[in-house]
Amino acid sequence: MKFSIIIPVKEINDYIRTAMPHYKNMEFDDYEILIFPDHVDDAVANEDVFKALGDKVRIIPSGETGPAEKRDMALEYAKGEYIAFIDDDAYPAAQWLTKAYELLQGSDVGAVGGPAVTAPEDDIWQQASGKTYESKLCSAGYTYRYIPEPRRDVDDLPSVNLIVKADLFREIGGYDSNYYPGEDTKLCLDIVNTGHRIIYDPEILVYHHRRRMFKAHLKQATNYAKHRGYFAKVLPQTSRKFAYFVPSLFVLGLILGPILAIFFPFIWYIYGGVLALYFVLLALSIHKPGSFSVWILTMAGIFTTHVGYGIRFVQGLLSKELLR
């Protein structure tokens, strides 16, 4: 067995049902799919969408536990040489495992991954969420996680599209389940610290259903921000980077500008000019918006993401611990 595909999920849902035919259509056929819901009954396990893949699919109840713990169940159940992590709300492109297998043959390669592109069938609220992440103004140098960009070595990839050599995963001891979200950052750091490379390649591609604007999107983005702020303190090798601090500096400027302008009125001109420039850059940074509605929603999404991220990053930075 070459690949064990690991899908943690709270319960079997429509996303995972619609994803199954995409696995069946992959070019690479030597794989198993392990799905870990909290609970499962015979009626679900015998649904046609799973039976169509035959013995390639195993649905294994994990009990009520978190995604990191479910992914660690690969240590017990996975039979493959490589462990491919993907989320229940994502599905693979046809060449996903083909390209991964090619790159994993390198002896110095510990893991590979690629972009999680917004699923084309998502509605405009989800598309706006995806466009927010795709913007250079929002994701800075990390847009390769959301749109295909040239191959490179990286030190951190999200577990929606991360494929690790099984022996190395076992050597490391799996994920650190104390952190969620953010357990993938810790795993990638452990991989790099063993001296192995992590390769990003645009052909190792999955499609990801985004959270809808604004509540669900911001909840996800700000949860990541809080954990990134904490990691900037405890895992500086991969998380103490200037780009992660920029939203907090932006929020600080939003607050301090009007206060300082009370005492120094000329600051209003600077404040207004900087904000005008920001919104011009914001409007120009949106990657292929497609429609005016998505463009407007994305502009609002980037601004609210900057503010929410900036506040929660500081919260994480000031936290003494960040355990679930």
Protein backbone atom coordinates (compact mmCIF):
# COMPACT_ATOMS: atom_id res chain seq x y z
CA MET A 1 0.00 0.00 0.00
CA LYS A 2 1.50 3.35 -1.06
CA PHE A 3 -0.84 5.96 0.46
CA SER A 4 -3.13 6.12 3.47
CA ILE A 5 -5.51 9.08 3.13
CA ILE A 6 -6.61 10.35 6.54
CA ILE A 7 -9.85 12.31 6.90
CA PRO A 8 -10.87 13.50 10.39
CA VAL A 9 -14.52 14.50 10.68
CA LYS A 10 -17.01 15.08 13.48
CA GLU A 11 -19.72 13.22 11.57
CA ILE A 12 -20.28 11.94 8.05
CA ASN A 13 -21.58 14.94 6.11
CA ASP A 14 -22.52 16.00 2.60
CA TYR A 15 -19.06 17.40 1.86
CA ILE A 16 -17.38 14.07 2.46
CA ARG A 17 -20.07 12.24 0.49
CA THR A 18 -19.56 14.48 -2.56
CA ALA A 19 -15.78 14.12 -2.22
CA MET A 20 -15.75 10.33 -2.61
CA PRO A 21 -16.13 10.22 -6.43
CA HIS A 22 -13.10 12.51 -6.75
CA TYR A 23 -10.95 9.93 -4.97
CA LYS A 24 -12.24 7.26 -7.31
CA ASN A 25 -11.18 9.42 -10.29
CA MET A 26 -7.58 9.95 -9.15
CA GLU A 27 -4.79 8.85 -11.51
CA PHE A 28 -2.93 7.02 -8.71
CA ASP A 29 -4.85 3.95 -7.58
CA ASP A 30 -2.73 2.47 -4.77
CA TYR A 31 -4.34 4.00 -1.70
CA GLU A 32 -6.72 3.51 1.20
CA ILE A 33 -9.06 6.07 2.74
CA LEU A 34 -9.47 6.14 6.52
CA ILE A 35 -12.34 8.29 7.76
CA PHE A 36 -12.51 9.02 11.49
CA PRO A 37 -15.94 10.32 12.64
CA ASP A 38 -16.91 10.54 16.31
CA HIS A 39 -19.52 7.83 15.78
CA VAL A 40 -20.83 5.77 12.87
CA ASP A 41 -23.70 3.38 12.24
CA ASP A 42 -24.11 0.57 9.72
CA ALA A 43 -26.50 2.60 7.55
CA VAL A 44 -23.84 5.24 6.92
CA ALA A 45 -21.06 2.73 6.31
CA ASN A 46 -23.21 0.96 3.72
CA GLU A 47 -24.11 4.05 1.70
CA ASP A 48 -23.51 3.60 -2.03
CA VAL A 49 -21.04 6.49 -2.20
CA PHE A 50 -18.66 4.60 0.11
CA LYS A 51 -19.41 1.13 -1.24
CA ALA A 52 -18.43 2.37 -4.72
CA LEU A 53 -14.82 2.49 -3.52
CA GLY A 54 -14.98 -1.05 -2.13
CA ASP A 55 -12.41 -2.03 0.47
CA LYS A 56 -10.42 1.15 -0.16
CA VAL A 57 -12.59 2.93 2.43
CA ARG A 58 -12.63 2.26 6.15
CA ILE A 59 -14.85 4.30 8.47
CA ILE A 60 -13.46 4.03 12.00
CA PRO A 61 -15.26 5.70 14.93
CA SER A 62 -12.86 7.67 17.11
CA GLY A 63 -15.14 8.74 19.91
CA GLU A 64 -15.63 12.42 20.69
CA THR A 65 -12.17 13.84 20.17
CA GLY A 66 -10.41 16.56 18.17
CA PRO A 67 -8.96 16.58 14.62
CA ALA A 68 -5.35 16.21 15.79
CA GLU A 69 -6.18 13.10 17.82
CA LYS A 70 -8.09 11.67 14.86
CA ARG A 71 -5.11 12.27 12.55
CA ASP A 72 -2.87 10.55 15.07
CA MET A 73 -5.03 7.43 14.72
CA ALA A 74 -3.07 6.94 11.49
CA LEU A 75 -0.27 5.70 13.77
CA GLU A 76 -2.46 2.70 14.61
CA TYR A 77 -4.52 2.09 11.47
CA ALA A 78 -2.63 3.35 8.41
CA LYS A 79 -1.03 0.71 6.19
CA GLY A 80 0.55 2.99 3.60
CA GLU A 81 4.15 4.07 3.09
CA TYR A 82 2.91 7.66 2.96
CA ILE A 83 0.19 9.33 5.01
CA ALA A 84 -1.89 11.91 3.15
CA PHE A 85 -3.82 14.33 5.35
CA ILE A 86 -6.83 16.14 3.94
CA ASP A 87 -9.94 17.72 5.49
CA ASP A 88 -13.50 16.49 5.14
CA ASP A 89 -14.46 19.72 3.31
CA ALA A 90 -11.78 19.23 0.65
CA TYR A 91 -11.30 16.87 -2.30
CA PRO A 92 -8.29 15.99 -4.48
CA ALA A 93 -7.44 16.89 -8.06
CA ALA A 94 -6.83 13.87 -10.28
CA GLN A 95 -3.01 14.20 -10.14
CA TRP A 96 -2.81 14.78 -6.35
CA LEU A 97 -1.05 11.55 -5.38
CA THR A 98 0.78 11.08 -8.70
CA LYS A 99 2.91 14.19 -8.21
CA ALA A 100 3.30 13.57 -4.49
CA TYR A 101 4.65 10.06 -5.09
CA GLU A 102 7.23 11.40 -7.55
CA LEU A 103 8.60 13.96 -5.10
CA LEU A 104 8.54 11.67 -2.06
CA GLN A 105 11.16 9.43 -3.65
CA GLY A 106 13.86 11.85 -2.56
CA SER A 107 15.65 10.52 0.53
CA ASP A 108 15.89 14.00 2.05
CA VAL A 109 12.18 14.73 1.53
CA GLY A 110 10.01 14.26 4.61
CA ALA A 111 6.73 15.72 3.41
CA VAL A 112 5.07 17.36 0.43
CA GLY A 113 1.95 19.41 -0.15
CA GLY A 114 0.38 22.00 -2.35
CA PRO A 115 -2.38 24.57 -2.66
CA ALA A 116 -5.91 24.19 -1.33
CA VAL A 117 -7.80 26.04 -4.06
CA THR A 118 -11.31 27.32 -3.43
CA ALA A 119 -13.82 24.79 -4.77
CA PRO A 120 -15.35 26.20 -7.98
CA GLU A 121 -18.86 25.20 -6.92
CA ASP A 122 -18.77 27.34 -3.74
CA ASP A 123 -21.29 30.20 -3.47
CA ILE A 124 -20.28 33.89 -3.58
CA TRP A 125 -19.94 34.12 0.21
CA GLN A 126 -17.46 31.23 0.15
CA GLN A 127 -15.73 32.56 -2.96
CA ALA A 128 -15.19 35.87 -1.16
CA SER A 129 -13.60 34.00 1.74
CA GLY A 130 -11.26 32.25 -0.69
CA LYS A 131 -10.41 35.52 -2.48
CA THR A 132 -9.61 37.08 0.89
CA TYR A 133 -6.97 34.42 1.55
CA GLU A 134 -5.68 34.67 -2.03
CA SER A 135 -4.95 38.40 -1.68
CA LYS A 136 -1.30 39.37 -1.21
CA LEU A 137 -2.50 42.12 1.11
CA CYS A 138 -4.08 39.50 3.36
CA SER A 139 -1.77 36.48 3.10
CA ALA A 140 1.47 38.28 2.15
CA GLY A 141 4.00 35.68 0.99
CA TYR A 142 1.73 32.75 1.82
CA THR A 143 -0.71 32.96 -1.09
CA TYR A 144 0.85 29.76 -2.47
CA ARG A 145 -1.33 27.93 0.04
CA TYR A 146 -4.45 29.07 -1.80
CA ILE A 147 -3.45 29.42 -5.47
CA PRO A 148 -0.91 27.41 -7.50
CA GLU A 149 2.54 29.02 -7.42
CA PRO A 150 6.01 27.72 -8.40
CA ARG A 151 7.54 24.77 -6.55
CA ARG A 152 9.58 25.64 -3.46
CA ASP A 153 10.83 24.32 -0.13
CA VAL A 154 8.69 25.49 2.80
CA ASP A 155 8.74 25.07 6.57
CA ASP A 156 4.98 25.05 7.22
CA LEU A 157 1.97 23.66 5.35
CA PRO A 158 -1.62 23.24 6.56
CA SER A 159 -3.00 19.74 7.10
CA VAL A 160 -5.76 20.24 4.53
CA ASN A 161 -3.09 19.14 2.02
CA LEU A 162 -0.05 17.59 3.69
CA ILE A 163 1.53 14.23 2.80
CA VAL A 164 4.18 12.76 5.11
CA LYS A 165 6.38 9.68 4.95
CA ALA A 166 4.80 7.21 7.37
CA ASP A 167 8.06 6.13 9.00
CA LEU A 168 8.96 9.76 9.71
CA PHE A 169 5.48 10.49 11.06
CA ARG A 170 5.85 7.58 13.47
CA GLU A 171 9.37 8.64 14.43
CA ILE A 172 8.13 12.13 15.34
CA GLY A 173 5.19 10.69 17.25
CA GLY A 174 2.45 12.30 15.20
CA TYR A 175 0.72 15.59 15.86
CA ASP A 176 0.85 17.54 19.10
CA SER A 177 -2.83 17.29 19.94
CA ASN A 178 -2.61 20.05 22.56
CA TYR A 179 -2.94 22.58 19.75
CA TYR A 180 -5.90 23.09 17.42
CA PRO A 181 -5.78 24.84 15.09
CA GLY A 182 -2.02 25.01 14.71
CA GLU A 183 -1.04 21.38 15.26
CA ASP A 184 0.18 21.24 11.65
CA THR A 185 2.67 24.05 12.36
CA LYS A 186 4.16 21.98 15.18
CA LEU A 187 4.30 18.84 13.01
CA CYS A 188 6.03 20.67 10.16
CA LEU A 189 8.58 22.14 12.57
CA ASP A 190 9.28 18.63 13.89
CA ILE A 191 9.80 17.41 10.31
CA VAL A 192 12.22 20.23 9.48
CA ASN A 193 14.11 19.66 12.75
CA THR A 194 14.85 16.07 11.70
CA GLY A 195 16.75 17.48 8.71
CA HIS A 196 14.09 16.60 6.13
CA ARG A 197 12.68 18.90 3.48
CA ILE A 198 9.05 19.87 2.97
CA ILE A 199 8.30 20.51 -0.70
CA TYR A 200 5.40 22.56 -2.00
CA ASP A 201 4.34 21.78 -5.57
CA PRO A 202 1.38 23.37 -7.40
CA GLU A 203 0.34 20.03 -8.93
CA ILE A 204 -0.25 18.48 -5.49
CA LEU A 205 -3.57 20.24 -5.50
CA VAL A 206 -6.83 19.87 -3.60
CA TYR A 207 -10.06 21.86 -3.76
CA HIS A 208 -11.28 23.31 -0.49
CA HIS A 209 -14.78 24.49 0.42
CA ARG A 210 -14.34 27.80 2.24
CA ARG A 211 -16.15 29.03 5.32
CA ARG A 212 -18.86 31.52 4.43
CA MET A 213 -18.45 35.24 5.03
CA PHE A 214 -18.49 36.74 7.56
CA LYS A 215 -19.08 34.94 10.85
CA ALA A 216 -17.68 31.51 9.96
CA HIS A 217 -14.77 32.95 7.98
CA LEU A 218 -13.73 35.31 10.78
CA LYS A 219 -14.07 32.63 13.44
CA GLN A 220 -11.63 30.46 11.49
CA ALA A 221 -9.20 33.27 10.66
CA THR A 222 -9.08 34.67 14.18
CA ASN A 223 -8.62 31.23 15.75
CA TYR A 224 -5.56 30.79 13.54
CA ALA A 225 -4.39 34.27 14.54
CA LYS A 226 -4.54 33.51 18.25
CA HIS A 227 -2.54 30.33 17.81
CA ARG A 228 -0.03 32.04 15.50
CA GLY A 229 0.50 34.73 18.12
CA TYR A 230 1.21 32.09 20.74
CA PHE A 231 3.48 30.19 18.36
CA ALA A 232 5.42 33.41 17.62
CA LYS A 233 6.46 33.18 21.26
CA VAL A 234 7.04 29.43 21.69
CA LEU A 235 7.89 28.32 18.12
CA PRO A 236 9.88 31.29 16.76
CA GLN A 237 11.58 29.25 14.04
CA THR A 238 8.47 29.26 11.86
CA SER A 239 6.09 31.74 13.47
CA ARG A 240 8.12 34.79 14.55
CA LYS A 241 7.98 36.44 11.15
CA PHE A 242 7.24 40.11 10.50
CA ALA A 243 4.30 39.35 8.19
CA TYR A 244 2.36 37.81 11.08
CA PHE A 245 2.76 41.00 13.15
CA VAL A 246 1.58 43.42 10.44
CA PRO A 247 -2.22 43.15 11.12
CA SER A 248 -1.61 43.99 14.78
CA LEU A 249 0.41 47.05 13.78
CA PHE A 250 -2.43 48.02 11.44
CA VAL A 251 -4.98 47.82 14.27
CA LEU A 252 -2.66 49.83 16.52
CA GLY A 253 -2.49 52.52 13.85
CA LEU A 254 -6.28 52.57 13.45
CA ILE A 255 -6.67 53.19 17.18
CA LEU A 256 -3.77 55.58 17.82
CA GLY A 257 -4.30 57.78 14.74
CA PRO A 258 -7.48 59.55 15.92
CA ILE A 259 -6.14 59.83 19.49
CA LEU A 260 -2.92 61.53 18.37
CA ALA A 261 -4.87 63.74 15.97
CA ILE A 262 -6.68 65.31 18.94
CA PHE A 263 -3.37 66.79 20.04
CA PHE A 264 -1.75 67.15 16.61
CA PRO A 265 -4.48 67.96 14.04
CA PHE A 266 -2.13 67.58 11.05
CA ILE A 267 -2.09 63.84 11.77
CA TRP A 268 -5.62 63.64 10.31
CA TYR A 269 -4.11 64.26 6.88
CA ILE A 270 -1.54 61.48 7.36
CA TYR A 271 -4.18 59.16 8.80
CA GLY A 272 -6.61 59.80 5.95
CA GLY A 273 -3.89 59.46 3.32
CA VAL A 274 -2.64 56.15 4.71
CA LEU A 275 -6.18 54.74 4.89
CA ALA A 276 -6.91 55.89 1.33
CA LEU A 277 -3.73 54.19 0.11
CA TYR A 278 -4.64 51.05 2.07
CA PHE A 279 -8.07 50.77 0.43
CA VAL A 280 -6.62 51.38 -3.03
CA LEU A 281 -4.07 48.60 -2.48
CA LEU A 282 -6.82 46.43 -1.02
CA ALA A 283 -8.99 46.84 -4.11
CA LEU A 284 -6.07 46.12 -6.44
CA SER A 285 -4.85 43.08 -4.48
CA ILE A 286 -7.88 40.88 -5.13
CA HIS A 287 -6.93 37.92 -7.30
CA LYS A 288 -9.35 37.40 -10.22
CA PRO A 289 -12.54 38.42 -8.37
CA GLY A 290 -14.80 37.23 -11.18
CA SER A 291 -17.79 39.40 -10.29
CA PHE A 292 -18.48 42.80 -8.72
CA SER A 293 -20.33 41.18 -5.80
CA VAL A 294 -17.37 38.95 -4.94
CA TRP A 295 -15.02 41.93 -5.29
CA ILE A 296 -17.00 44.03 -2.81
CA LEU A 297 -17.41 41.15 -0.35
CA THR A 298 -13.70 40.39 -0.57
CA MET A 299 -12.73 43.99 0.15
CA ALA A 300 -14.85 43.87 3.29
CA GLY A 301 -13.44 40.43 4.07
CA ILE A 302 -9.82 41.54 3.88
CA PHE A 303 -10.42 44.57 6.11
CA THR A 304 -12.33 42.64 8.78
CA THR A 305 -9.79 39.81 8.63
CA HIS A 306 -6.94 42.28 9.20
CA VAL A 307 -8.70 43.77 12.21
CA GLY A 308 -9.78 40.44 13.71
CA TYR A 309 -6.42 38.79 13.06
CA GLY A 310 -4.52 41.73 14.54
CA ILE A 311 -6.48 41.66 17.78
CA ARG A 312 -6.40 37.89 18.26
CA PHE A 313 -2.70 37.64 17.36
CA VAL A 314 -1.87 39.91 20.31
CA GLN A 315 -4.18 37.85 22.52
CA GLY A 316 -2.21 34.73 21.59
CA LEU A 317 1.11 36.50 22.05
CA LEU A 318 0.13 37.48 25.60
CA SER A 319 -1.26 34.06 26.55
CA LYS A 320 0.70 32.02 29.08
CA GLU A 321 -0.60 28.80 27.57
CA LEU A 322 -2.86 27.84 24.72
CA LEU A 323 -4.08 24.36 25.38
CA ARG A 324 -7.51 23.13 24.33
